[in-house]
N, C-alpha and C. Protein backbone atom coordinates (compact mmCIF):
# COMPACT_ATOMS: atom_id res chain seq x y z
N MET A 1 3.54 2.61 -10.55
CA MET A 1 3.04 3.94 -10.86
C MET A 1 4.18 4.85 -11.29
N GLN A 2 5.33 4.79 -10.61
CA GLN A 2 6.48 5.64 -10.94
C GLN A 2 6.96 5.40 -12.37
N THR A 3 6.96 4.16 -12.82
CA THR A 3 7.39 3.85 -14.18
C THR A 3 6.46 4.50 -15.19
N ARG A 4 5.14 4.45 -14.95
CA ARG A 4 4.20 5.05 -15.88
C ARG A 4 4.42 6.56 -15.98
N LEU A 5 4.67 7.23 -14.84
CA LEU A 5 4.93 8.66 -14.85
C LEU A 5 6.19 8.98 -15.65
N LYS A 6 7.20 8.19 -15.43
CA LYS A 6 8.45 8.40 -16.17
C LYS A 6 8.21 8.21 -17.66
N ASN A 7 7.48 7.16 -18.04
CA ASN A 7 7.20 6.91 -19.44
C ASN A 7 6.39 8.04 -20.05
N ARG A 8 5.42 8.56 -19.33
CA ARG A 8 4.60 9.66 -19.84
C ARG A 8 5.47 10.90 -20.05
N LYS A 9 6.33 11.17 -19.09
CA LYS A 9 7.23 12.32 -19.21
C LYS A 9 8.12 12.18 -20.44
N GLU A 10 8.64 11.00 -20.65
CA GLU A 10 9.48 10.74 -21.82
C GLU A 10 8.67 10.88 -23.11
N GLN A 11 7.43 10.42 -23.08
CA GLN A 11 6.57 10.56 -24.26
C GLN A 11 6.33 12.04 -24.58
N ILE A 12 6.10 12.83 -23.56
CA ILE A 12 5.87 14.26 -23.76
C ILE A 12 7.10 14.90 -24.39
N VAL A 13 8.28 14.57 -23.87
CA VAL A 13 9.52 15.12 -24.43
C VAL A 13 9.72 14.65 -25.86
N GLU A 14 9.42 13.40 -26.13
CA GLU A 14 9.57 12.86 -27.49
C GLU A 14 8.66 13.59 -28.48
N VAL A 15 7.42 13.77 -28.13
CA VAL A 15 6.48 14.49 -29.01
C VAL A 15 6.91 15.94 -29.15
N ALA A 16 7.31 16.55 -28.04
CA ALA A 16 7.77 17.95 -28.09
C ALA A 16 9.00 18.09 -28.98
N MET A 17 9.88 17.10 -28.95
CA MET A 17 11.08 17.13 -29.80
C MET A 17 10.69 17.11 -31.26
N ASP A 18 9.74 16.26 -31.59
CA ASP A 18 9.26 16.20 -32.97
C ASP A 18 8.64 17.54 -33.38
N LEU A 19 7.85 18.12 -32.51
CA LEU A 19 7.23 19.41 -32.80
C LEU A 19 8.27 20.52 -32.89
N LEU A 20 9.29 20.45 -32.05
CA LEU A 20 10.39 21.42 -32.12
C LEU A 20 11.05 21.37 -33.49
N GLN A 21 11.27 20.16 -33.99
CA GLN A 21 11.97 19.98 -35.26
C GLN A 21 11.10 20.29 -36.48
N THR A 22 9.80 20.29 -36.31
CA THR A 22 8.92 20.55 -37.45
C THR A 22 8.25 21.92 -37.39
N HIS A 23 8.07 22.47 -36.17
CA HIS A 23 7.34 23.73 -36.03
C HIS A 23 8.15 24.84 -35.37
N GLY A 24 9.20 24.48 -34.64
CA GLY A 24 9.94 25.45 -33.85
C GLY A 24 9.34 25.54 -32.46
N PHE A 25 10.14 25.97 -31.50
CA PHE A 25 9.71 25.99 -30.10
C PHE A 25 8.52 26.93 -29.87
N GLU A 26 8.56 28.07 -30.50
CA GLU A 26 7.50 29.06 -30.27
C GLU A 26 6.18 28.69 -30.96
N ASN A 27 6.22 27.74 -31.87
CA ASN A 27 5.04 27.45 -32.70
C ASN A 27 4.32 26.15 -32.35
N PHE A 28 4.57 25.61 -31.17
CA PHE A 28 3.74 24.49 -30.72
C PHE A 28 3.29 24.76 -29.30
N SER A 29 2.20 24.14 -28.93
CA SER A 29 1.61 24.37 -27.61
C SER A 29 1.42 23.05 -26.87
N TYR A 30 1.07 23.17 -25.62
CA TYR A 30 0.73 21.98 -24.84
C TYR A 30 -0.47 21.28 -25.45
N LEU A 31 -1.37 22.02 -26.05
CA LEU A 31 -2.53 21.41 -26.69
C LEU A 31 -2.09 20.51 -27.84
N ASP A 32 -1.09 20.94 -28.61
CA ASP A 32 -0.56 20.10 -29.71
C ASP A 32 -0.03 18.78 -29.17
N ILE A 33 0.71 18.85 -28.08
CA ILE A 33 1.26 17.64 -27.46
C ILE A 33 0.13 16.78 -26.92
N ALA A 34 -0.79 17.40 -26.21
CA ALA A 34 -1.91 16.66 -25.61
C ALA A 34 -2.71 15.94 -26.69
N ASN A 35 -2.98 16.60 -27.79
CA ASN A 35 -3.74 15.97 -28.88
C ASN A 35 -3.00 14.76 -29.45
N GLN A 36 -1.69 14.86 -29.61
CA GLN A 36 -0.93 13.73 -30.16
C GLN A 36 -0.87 12.55 -29.21
N LEU A 37 -0.85 12.83 -27.91
CA LEU A 37 -0.77 11.75 -26.92
C LEU A 37 -2.12 11.34 -26.36
N SER A 38 -3.17 12.03 -26.79
CA SER A 38 -4.53 11.77 -26.27
C SER A 38 -4.58 11.88 -24.76
N ILE A 39 -4.01 12.96 -24.25
CA ILE A 39 -4.03 13.25 -22.82
C ILE A 39 -4.50 14.70 -22.66
N THR A 40 -4.65 15.11 -21.43
CA THR A 40 -5.07 16.49 -21.16
C THR A 40 -3.84 17.39 -21.03
N LYS A 41 -4.06 18.68 -21.22
CA LYS A 41 -2.98 19.64 -21.00
C LYS A 41 -2.53 19.59 -19.54
N ALA A 42 -3.47 19.32 -18.63
CA ALA A 42 -3.13 19.22 -17.21
C ALA A 42 -2.10 18.12 -16.96
N SER A 43 -2.19 17.04 -17.73
CA SER A 43 -1.21 15.96 -17.59
C SER A 43 0.20 16.44 -17.94
N ILE A 44 0.27 17.30 -18.94
CA ILE A 44 1.58 17.85 -19.34
C ILE A 44 2.06 18.81 -18.26
N HIS A 45 1.17 19.67 -17.77
CA HIS A 45 1.53 20.63 -16.72
C HIS A 45 1.97 19.92 -15.44
N HIS A 46 1.48 18.71 -15.22
CA HIS A 46 1.92 17.92 -14.06
C HIS A 46 3.43 17.67 -14.13
N HIS A 47 3.93 17.41 -15.33
CA HIS A 47 5.36 17.12 -15.52
C HIS A 47 6.17 18.38 -15.79
N PHE A 48 5.58 19.32 -16.50
CA PHE A 48 6.27 20.54 -16.90
C PHE A 48 5.33 21.73 -16.65
N ALA A 49 5.47 22.34 -15.50
CA ALA A 49 4.55 23.41 -15.10
C ALA A 49 4.48 24.53 -16.14
N LYS A 50 5.64 24.90 -16.68
CA LYS A 50 5.70 25.96 -17.69
C LYS A 50 6.37 25.41 -18.95
N LYS A 51 6.11 26.05 -20.05
CA LYS A 51 6.75 25.62 -21.31
C LYS A 51 8.26 25.75 -21.21
N GLU A 52 8.72 26.72 -20.45
CA GLU A 52 10.16 26.87 -20.21
C GLU A 52 10.74 25.59 -19.61
N ASP A 53 10.02 24.98 -18.69
CA ASP A 53 10.48 23.73 -18.07
C ASP A 53 10.60 22.62 -19.12
N LEU A 54 9.62 22.57 -20.00
CA LEU A 54 9.68 21.59 -21.09
C LEU A 54 10.85 21.92 -22.02
N GLY A 55 11.08 23.19 -22.28
CA GLY A 55 12.19 23.59 -23.14
C GLY A 55 13.53 23.19 -22.55
N VAL A 56 13.69 23.37 -21.25
CA VAL A 56 14.93 22.95 -20.59
C VAL A 56 15.07 21.43 -20.69
N ALA A 57 13.97 20.70 -20.51
CA ALA A 57 14.00 19.24 -20.64
C ALA A 57 14.39 18.82 -22.06
N LEU A 58 13.90 19.55 -23.06
CA LEU A 58 14.29 19.27 -24.44
C LEU A 58 15.79 19.46 -24.63
N CYS A 59 16.31 20.57 -24.12
CA CYS A 59 17.74 20.84 -24.23
C CYS A 59 18.55 19.74 -23.54
N ARG A 60 18.09 19.32 -22.38
CA ARG A 60 18.82 18.28 -21.65
C ARG A 60 18.73 16.93 -22.37
N ALA A 61 17.60 16.66 -23.02
CA ALA A 61 17.48 15.42 -23.80
C ALA A 61 18.45 15.43 -24.98
N ILE A 62 18.56 16.58 -25.62
CA ILE A 62 19.51 16.71 -26.72
C ILE A 62 20.93 16.54 -26.19
N HIS A 63 21.22 17.17 -25.06
CA HIS A 63 22.55 17.08 -24.47
C HIS A 63 22.89 15.64 -24.10
N ASP A 64 21.91 14.92 -23.54
CA ASP A 64 22.13 13.50 -23.22
C ASP A 64 22.45 12.72 -24.47
N TRP A 65 21.71 12.98 -25.55
CA TRP A 65 21.95 12.30 -26.82
C TRP A 65 23.36 12.64 -27.32
N HIS A 66 23.73 13.91 -27.26
CA HIS A 66 25.08 14.32 -27.67
C HIS A 66 26.15 13.59 -26.86
N ARG A 67 26.01 13.61 -25.53
CA ARG A 67 27.02 12.97 -24.69
C ARG A 67 27.17 11.49 -25.04
N GLN A 68 26.05 10.83 -25.22
CA GLN A 68 26.09 9.40 -25.53
C GLN A 68 26.72 9.16 -26.90
N GLU A 69 26.21 9.84 -27.91
CA GLU A 69 26.68 9.59 -29.28
C GLU A 69 28.10 10.12 -29.49
N PHE A 70 28.39 11.32 -29.01
CA PHE A 70 29.73 11.88 -29.18
C PHE A 70 30.75 11.05 -28.40
N GLY A 71 30.37 10.57 -27.22
CA GLY A 71 31.26 9.72 -26.43
C GLY A 71 31.62 8.45 -27.17
N LYS A 72 30.63 7.82 -27.78
CA LYS A 72 30.89 6.59 -28.56
C LYS A 72 31.86 6.88 -29.70
N ILE A 73 31.64 8.00 -30.36
CA ILE A 73 32.49 8.34 -31.50
C ILE A 73 33.92 8.61 -31.04
N LEU A 74 34.07 9.43 -30.01
CA LEU A 74 35.41 9.80 -29.55
C LEU A 74 36.21 8.62 -29.04
N THR A 75 35.55 7.65 -28.40
CA THR A 75 36.27 6.51 -27.83
C THR A 75 36.47 5.37 -28.84
N SER A 76 35.91 5.52 -30.03
CA SER A 76 36.10 4.49 -31.04
C SER A 76 37.52 4.54 -31.59
N ASN A 77 37.92 3.48 -32.23
CA ASN A 77 39.25 3.40 -32.84
C ASN A 77 39.24 3.88 -34.29
N LYS A 78 38.25 4.64 -34.64
CA LYS A 78 38.10 5.12 -36.02
C LYS A 78 39.04 6.29 -36.28
N SER A 79 39.32 6.50 -37.56
CA SER A 79 40.10 7.67 -37.95
C SER A 79 39.23 8.92 -37.81
N ALA A 80 39.88 10.07 -37.80
CA ALA A 80 39.13 11.33 -37.69
C ALA A 80 38.13 11.51 -38.84
N PRO A 81 38.51 11.23 -40.10
CA PRO A 81 37.50 11.36 -41.17
C PRO A 81 36.31 10.42 -40.97
N GLU A 82 36.57 9.22 -40.45
CA GLU A 82 35.47 8.28 -40.17
C GLU A 82 34.58 8.82 -39.04
N LYS A 83 35.21 9.39 -38.01
CA LYS A 83 34.45 9.97 -36.90
C LYS A 83 33.58 11.13 -37.38
N LEU A 84 34.14 11.94 -38.27
CA LEU A 84 33.37 13.06 -38.81
C LEU A 84 32.18 12.55 -39.62
N ASP A 85 32.40 11.50 -40.40
CA ASP A 85 31.30 10.89 -41.17
C ASP A 85 30.22 10.33 -40.25
N ILE A 86 30.62 9.70 -39.16
CA ILE A 86 29.65 9.16 -38.20
C ILE A 86 28.83 10.30 -37.60
N TYR A 87 29.50 11.38 -37.25
CA TYR A 87 28.80 12.56 -36.72
C TYR A 87 27.79 13.08 -37.73
N ILE A 88 28.22 13.23 -38.96
CA ILE A 88 27.34 13.77 -39.99
C ILE A 88 26.14 12.86 -40.20
N ASN A 89 26.38 11.56 -40.29
CA ASN A 89 25.27 10.62 -40.47
C ASN A 89 24.36 10.60 -39.25
N GLY A 90 24.93 10.73 -38.05
CA GLY A 90 24.12 10.79 -36.84
C GLY A 90 23.29 12.05 -36.79
N MET A 91 23.90 13.16 -37.19
CA MET A 91 23.18 14.43 -37.22
C MET A 91 22.03 14.33 -38.21
N LEU A 92 22.30 13.74 -39.34
CA LEU A 92 21.25 13.59 -40.35
C LEU A 92 20.13 12.70 -39.83
N ARG A 93 20.50 11.64 -39.10
CA ARG A 93 19.49 10.74 -38.56
C ARG A 93 18.61 11.48 -37.55
N PHE A 94 19.23 12.32 -36.73
CA PHE A 94 18.49 13.07 -35.71
C PHE A 94 17.61 14.13 -36.35
N ALA A 95 18.04 14.65 -37.48
CA ALA A 95 17.29 15.72 -38.14
C ALA A 95 16.50 15.20 -39.35
N CYS A 96 16.44 13.88 -39.48
CA CYS A 96 15.81 13.33 -40.68
C CYS A 96 14.29 13.35 -40.58
N GLY A 97 13.67 13.16 -41.69
CA GLY A 97 12.22 13.12 -41.72
C GLY A 97 11.68 14.29 -42.49
N LYS A 98 10.47 14.16 -42.90
CA LYS A 98 9.85 15.20 -43.71
C LYS A 98 9.75 16.51 -42.93
N ASN A 99 10.28 17.54 -43.53
CA ASN A 99 10.21 18.90 -42.97
C ASN A 99 10.82 19.04 -41.59
N LYS A 100 11.81 18.23 -41.26
CA LYS A 100 12.46 18.35 -39.96
C LYS A 100 13.73 19.18 -40.08
N ILE A 101 14.10 19.76 -38.96
CA ILE A 101 15.30 20.58 -38.85
C ILE A 101 16.08 20.09 -37.63
N CYS A 102 17.37 20.32 -37.63
CA CYS A 102 18.20 20.01 -36.47
C CYS A 102 17.59 20.72 -35.26
N PRO A 103 17.41 20.02 -34.13
CA PRO A 103 16.78 20.66 -32.98
C PRO A 103 17.56 21.86 -32.45
N LEU A 104 18.88 21.82 -32.53
CA LEU A 104 19.66 22.99 -32.10
C LEU A 104 19.41 24.17 -33.03
N SER A 105 19.37 23.90 -34.32
CA SER A 105 19.10 24.98 -35.27
C SER A 105 17.71 25.56 -35.03
N SER A 106 16.76 24.71 -34.73
CA SER A 106 15.40 25.17 -34.45
C SER A 106 15.38 26.09 -33.23
N LEU A 107 16.08 25.70 -32.18
CA LEU A 107 16.14 26.54 -30.98
C LEU A 107 16.89 27.84 -31.25
N GLN A 108 17.93 27.77 -32.07
CA GLN A 108 18.70 28.98 -32.37
C GLN A 108 17.85 30.01 -33.10
N VAL A 109 16.93 29.56 -33.94
CA VAL A 109 16.04 30.47 -34.64
C VAL A 109 15.22 31.28 -33.64
N ASP A 110 14.80 30.64 -32.56
CA ASP A 110 13.93 31.28 -31.57
C ASP A 110 14.70 31.89 -30.39
N VAL A 111 16.03 31.96 -30.47
CA VAL A 111 16.83 32.33 -29.31
C VAL A 111 16.42 33.66 -28.68
N ALA A 112 16.04 34.63 -29.47
CA ALA A 112 15.68 35.94 -28.92
C ALA A 112 14.45 35.87 -28.02
N SER A 113 13.58 34.91 -28.26
CA SER A 113 12.35 34.82 -27.46
C SER A 113 12.40 33.70 -26.42
N LEU A 114 13.50 32.96 -26.36
CA LEU A 114 13.61 31.88 -25.38
C LEU A 114 13.87 32.44 -23.99
N PRO A 115 13.32 31.78 -22.97
CA PRO A 115 13.63 32.18 -21.59
C PRO A 115 15.12 32.00 -21.30
N GLU A 116 15.62 32.75 -20.35
CA GLU A 116 17.05 32.73 -20.02
C GLU A 116 17.55 31.32 -19.71
N ALA A 117 16.77 30.53 -18.97
CA ALA A 117 17.20 29.17 -18.61
C ALA A 117 17.44 28.33 -19.87
N MET A 118 16.62 28.53 -20.88
CA MET A 118 16.80 27.78 -22.13
C MET A 118 18.00 28.30 -22.91
N ARG A 119 18.21 29.60 -22.88
CA ARG A 119 19.38 30.17 -23.60
C ARG A 119 20.68 29.64 -23.01
N ILE A 120 20.71 29.50 -21.70
CA ILE A 120 21.90 28.95 -21.04
C ILE A 120 22.12 27.50 -21.48
N GLU A 121 21.05 26.72 -21.49
CA GLU A 121 21.15 25.32 -21.92
C GLU A 121 21.56 25.23 -23.39
N LEU A 122 21.00 26.09 -24.24
CA LEU A 122 21.32 26.09 -25.66
C LEU A 122 22.78 26.43 -25.89
N LYS A 123 23.28 27.42 -25.18
CA LYS A 123 24.69 27.78 -25.32
C LYS A 123 25.59 26.61 -24.94
N ALA A 124 25.24 25.92 -23.86
CA ALA A 124 26.02 24.75 -23.44
C ALA A 124 25.98 23.66 -24.51
N LEU A 125 24.82 23.47 -25.13
CA LEU A 125 24.70 22.49 -26.22
C LEU A 125 25.58 22.86 -27.40
N ASP A 126 25.52 24.12 -27.80
CA ASP A 126 26.35 24.59 -28.91
C ASP A 126 27.83 24.37 -28.61
N GLU A 127 28.25 24.75 -27.42
CA GLU A 127 29.66 24.61 -27.03
C GLU A 127 30.07 23.15 -27.01
N HIS A 128 29.20 22.29 -26.53
CA HIS A 128 29.52 20.86 -26.48
C HIS A 128 29.72 20.30 -27.89
N GLU A 129 28.84 20.67 -28.80
CA GLU A 129 28.96 20.19 -30.17
C GLU A 129 30.23 20.72 -30.83
N LEU A 130 30.52 22.00 -30.64
CA LEU A 130 31.74 22.58 -31.22
C LEU A 130 33.00 21.96 -30.63
N GLU A 131 33.01 21.71 -29.34
CA GLU A 131 34.17 21.07 -28.69
C GLU A 131 34.39 19.68 -29.26
N PHE A 132 33.31 18.94 -29.46
CA PHE A 132 33.41 17.61 -30.03
C PHE A 132 34.03 17.66 -31.42
N ILE A 133 33.51 18.52 -32.28
CA ILE A 133 34.04 18.63 -33.64
C ILE A 133 35.50 19.07 -33.60
N ALA A 134 35.83 20.00 -32.74
CA ALA A 134 37.22 20.46 -32.61
C ALA A 134 38.14 19.31 -32.21
N GLN A 135 37.68 18.44 -31.31
CA GLN A 135 38.50 17.28 -30.91
C GLN A 135 38.74 16.36 -32.10
N VAL A 136 37.69 16.11 -32.88
CA VAL A 136 37.83 15.24 -34.05
C VAL A 136 38.79 15.87 -35.06
N LEU A 137 38.63 17.17 -35.30
CA LEU A 137 39.50 17.85 -36.26
C LEU A 137 40.95 17.87 -35.78
N ALA A 138 41.15 18.12 -34.49
CA ALA A 138 42.51 18.12 -33.93
C ALA A 138 43.15 16.75 -34.08
N GLN A 139 42.38 15.70 -33.83
CA GLN A 139 42.89 14.34 -34.01
C GLN A 139 43.30 14.13 -35.47
N GLY A 140 42.45 14.56 -36.38
CA GLY A 140 42.74 14.40 -37.80
C GLY A 140 43.97 15.16 -38.24
N LYS A 141 44.15 16.34 -37.68
CA LYS A 141 45.35 17.13 -38.02
C LYS A 141 46.60 16.48 -37.45
N GLN A 142 46.49 16.01 -36.21
CA GLN A 142 47.63 15.35 -35.56
C GLN A 142 48.03 14.08 -36.30
N GLU A 143 47.06 13.35 -36.82
CA GLU A 143 47.33 12.10 -37.53
C GLU A 143 47.52 12.31 -39.03
N SER A 144 47.58 13.57 -39.45
CA SER A 144 47.79 13.95 -40.86
C SER A 144 46.67 13.51 -41.80
N ASP A 145 45.49 13.27 -41.25
CA ASP A 145 44.33 13.00 -42.10
C ASP A 145 43.75 14.31 -42.61
N PHE A 146 43.89 15.37 -41.80
CA PHE A 146 43.42 16.70 -42.17
C PHE A 146 44.61 17.63 -42.20
N ASN A 147 44.55 18.59 -43.09
CA ASN A 147 45.63 19.57 -43.23
C ASN A 147 45.04 20.96 -43.42
N PHE A 148 44.11 21.32 -42.58
CA PHE A 148 43.46 22.62 -42.69
C PHE A 148 44.33 23.71 -42.07
N VAL A 149 44.05 24.93 -42.45
CA VAL A 149 44.76 26.09 -41.94
C VAL A 149 44.02 26.59 -40.70
N GLY A 150 44.76 26.96 -39.67
CA GLY A 150 44.15 27.54 -38.48
C GLY A 150 43.93 26.53 -37.37
N GLU A 151 43.27 27.02 -36.34
CA GLU A 151 43.01 26.22 -35.15
C GLU A 151 41.80 25.29 -35.36
N ALA A 152 41.83 24.14 -34.70
CA ALA A 152 40.74 23.17 -34.81
C ALA A 152 39.42 23.76 -34.32
N ASN A 153 39.45 24.55 -33.25
CA ASN A 153 38.19 25.09 -32.73
C ASN A 153 37.59 26.13 -33.69
N HIS A 154 38.42 26.87 -34.41
CA HIS A 154 37.91 27.80 -35.41
C HIS A 154 37.35 27.05 -36.62
N GLN A 155 38.03 26.01 -37.01
CA GLN A 155 37.58 25.19 -38.14
C GLN A 155 36.27 24.49 -37.79
N ALA A 156 36.12 24.09 -36.52
CA ALA A 156 34.90 23.41 -36.08
C ALA A 156 33.68 24.31 -36.29
N ILE A 157 33.84 25.59 -36.03
CA ILE A 157 32.73 26.52 -36.25
C ILE A 157 32.32 26.52 -37.71
N LEU A 158 33.30 26.59 -38.60
CA LEU A 158 32.99 26.57 -40.04
C LEU A 158 32.29 25.28 -40.46
N VAL A 159 32.77 24.17 -39.95
CA VAL A 159 32.19 22.86 -40.31
C VAL A 159 30.74 22.78 -39.85
N VAL A 160 30.48 23.12 -38.59
CA VAL A 160 29.13 23.01 -38.05
C VAL A 160 28.18 23.97 -38.77
N ILE A 161 28.61 25.20 -38.96
CA ILE A 161 27.75 26.17 -39.64
C ILE A 161 27.47 25.73 -41.08
N ALA A 162 28.48 25.24 -41.76
CA ALA A 162 28.29 24.79 -43.15
C ALA A 162 27.33 23.60 -43.23
N LEU A 163 27.51 22.63 -42.34
CA LEU A 163 26.64 21.45 -42.37
C LEU A 163 25.19 21.80 -42.05
N LYS A 164 25.00 22.60 -41.02
CA LYS A 164 23.63 22.93 -40.63
C LYS A 164 22.98 23.85 -41.66
N GLY A 165 23.76 24.76 -42.21
CA GLY A 165 23.24 25.61 -43.28
C GLY A 165 22.87 24.79 -44.51
N ALA A 166 23.70 23.81 -44.82
CA ALA A 166 23.42 22.94 -45.97
C ALA A 166 22.16 22.12 -45.75
N LEU A 167 21.96 21.67 -44.51
CA LEU A 167 20.72 20.94 -44.21
C LEU A 167 19.51 21.83 -44.46
N GLN A 168 19.60 23.08 -44.04
CA GLN A 168 18.49 24.02 -44.25
C GLN A 168 18.24 24.25 -45.74
N TYR A 169 19.30 24.55 -46.46
CA TYR A 169 19.16 24.82 -47.89
C TYR A 169 18.66 23.59 -48.64
N SER A 170 19.05 22.41 -48.18
CA SER A 170 18.60 21.16 -48.83
C SER A 170 17.10 20.98 -48.73
N ARG A 171 16.51 21.52 -47.68
CA ARG A 171 15.05 21.42 -47.52
C ARG A 171 14.33 22.13 -48.66
N VAL A 172 14.96 23.17 -49.19
CA VAL A 172 14.35 23.95 -50.27
C VAL A 172 14.85 23.51 -51.64
N HIS A 173 16.16 23.28 -51.75
CA HIS A 173 16.79 23.08 -53.05
C HIS A 173 17.14 21.63 -53.39
N GLY A 174 17.02 20.72 -52.43
CA GLY A 174 17.32 19.33 -52.70
C GLY A 174 18.64 18.88 -52.07
N ASP A 175 18.81 17.57 -52.03
CA ASP A 175 19.96 16.96 -51.35
C ASP A 175 21.30 17.32 -51.96
N TYR A 176 21.31 17.71 -53.22
CA TYR A 176 22.58 18.00 -53.86
C TYR A 176 23.32 19.14 -53.14
N ILE A 177 22.59 20.06 -52.51
CA ILE A 177 23.22 21.15 -51.76
C ILE A 177 24.07 20.57 -50.62
N PHE A 178 23.51 19.61 -49.90
CA PHE A 178 24.25 19.01 -48.80
C PHE A 178 25.46 18.25 -49.33
N GLU A 179 25.28 17.52 -50.42
CA GLU A 179 26.38 16.75 -51.01
C GLU A 179 27.50 17.67 -51.49
N GLN A 180 27.16 18.78 -52.13
CA GLN A 180 28.17 19.74 -52.58
C GLN A 180 28.89 20.37 -51.39
N THR A 181 28.16 20.68 -50.35
CA THR A 181 28.77 21.27 -49.16
C THR A 181 29.74 20.29 -48.53
N MET A 182 29.34 19.02 -48.45
CA MET A 182 30.23 17.99 -47.90
C MET A 182 31.52 17.89 -48.71
N ALA A 183 31.40 17.94 -50.02
CA ALA A 183 32.59 17.87 -50.88
C ALA A 183 33.51 19.06 -50.60
N GLN A 184 32.93 20.25 -50.44
CA GLN A 184 33.73 21.44 -50.14
C GLN A 184 34.39 21.35 -48.77
N ILE A 185 33.67 20.83 -47.80
CA ILE A 185 34.25 20.67 -46.46
C ILE A 185 35.42 19.70 -46.51
N ASN A 186 35.24 18.61 -47.22
CA ASN A 186 36.34 17.64 -47.34
C ASN A 186 37.57 18.28 -47.98
N GLN A 187 37.37 19.08 -49.03
CA GLN A 187 38.51 19.77 -49.64
C GLN A 187 39.14 20.76 -48.68
N LEU A 188 38.34 21.46 -47.93
CA LEU A 188 38.84 22.44 -46.97
C LEU A 188 39.66 21.77 -45.87
N LEU A 189 39.20 20.63 -45.40
CA LEU A 189 39.89 19.94 -44.32
C LEU A 189 41.18 19.26 -44.79
N VAL A 190 41.14 18.70 -45.97
CA VAL A 190 42.31 17.99 -46.48
C VAL A 190 43.34 18.99 -46.96
N ASN A 191 42.96 19.95 -47.79
CA ASN A 191 43.80 21.08 -48.21
C ASN A 191 45.25 20.70 -48.49
N LYS A 192 45.46 19.61 -49.22
CA LYS A 192 46.85 19.16 -49.50
C LYS A 192 47.31 19.63 -50.86
């Protein structure tokens, strides 16, 4: 019985993640999840009494994914440019699909209306992602793969904002926006 409950909870989070990426946190309901899983809203409330609880679970699921994927990247023997490419391809995989958006970007859009517990989790997610990128950039600078001006943590902000912005613009204008942004980021980082 415990395994079934765990699986149902995971299913709810999985469907909610998809809805987060396609509709935004404020624009889906327990009824949307219930309809997709062919269960009752009461079943969802059993696992997540309030939508805020589900939102915190979504943030923690994203954080778990980050820890796992970022950890693999950081401990690999790859060069910093290769690690950055793995991150970008992983981010694209997580945000891929028709009309999908990066889950962090989706939550950031709704930040003003998110409950405090979710804002705390979102800030931790943002910081974790920026710290990861800063580590990769610092490694690249130390190994002379990157030659950017300024601190790695400041450069990480530019990289993340540019990539996520490019993903958004690509939804409207096509993939070439993302490709052009990547080319500009590479020039900015190499700057030789």
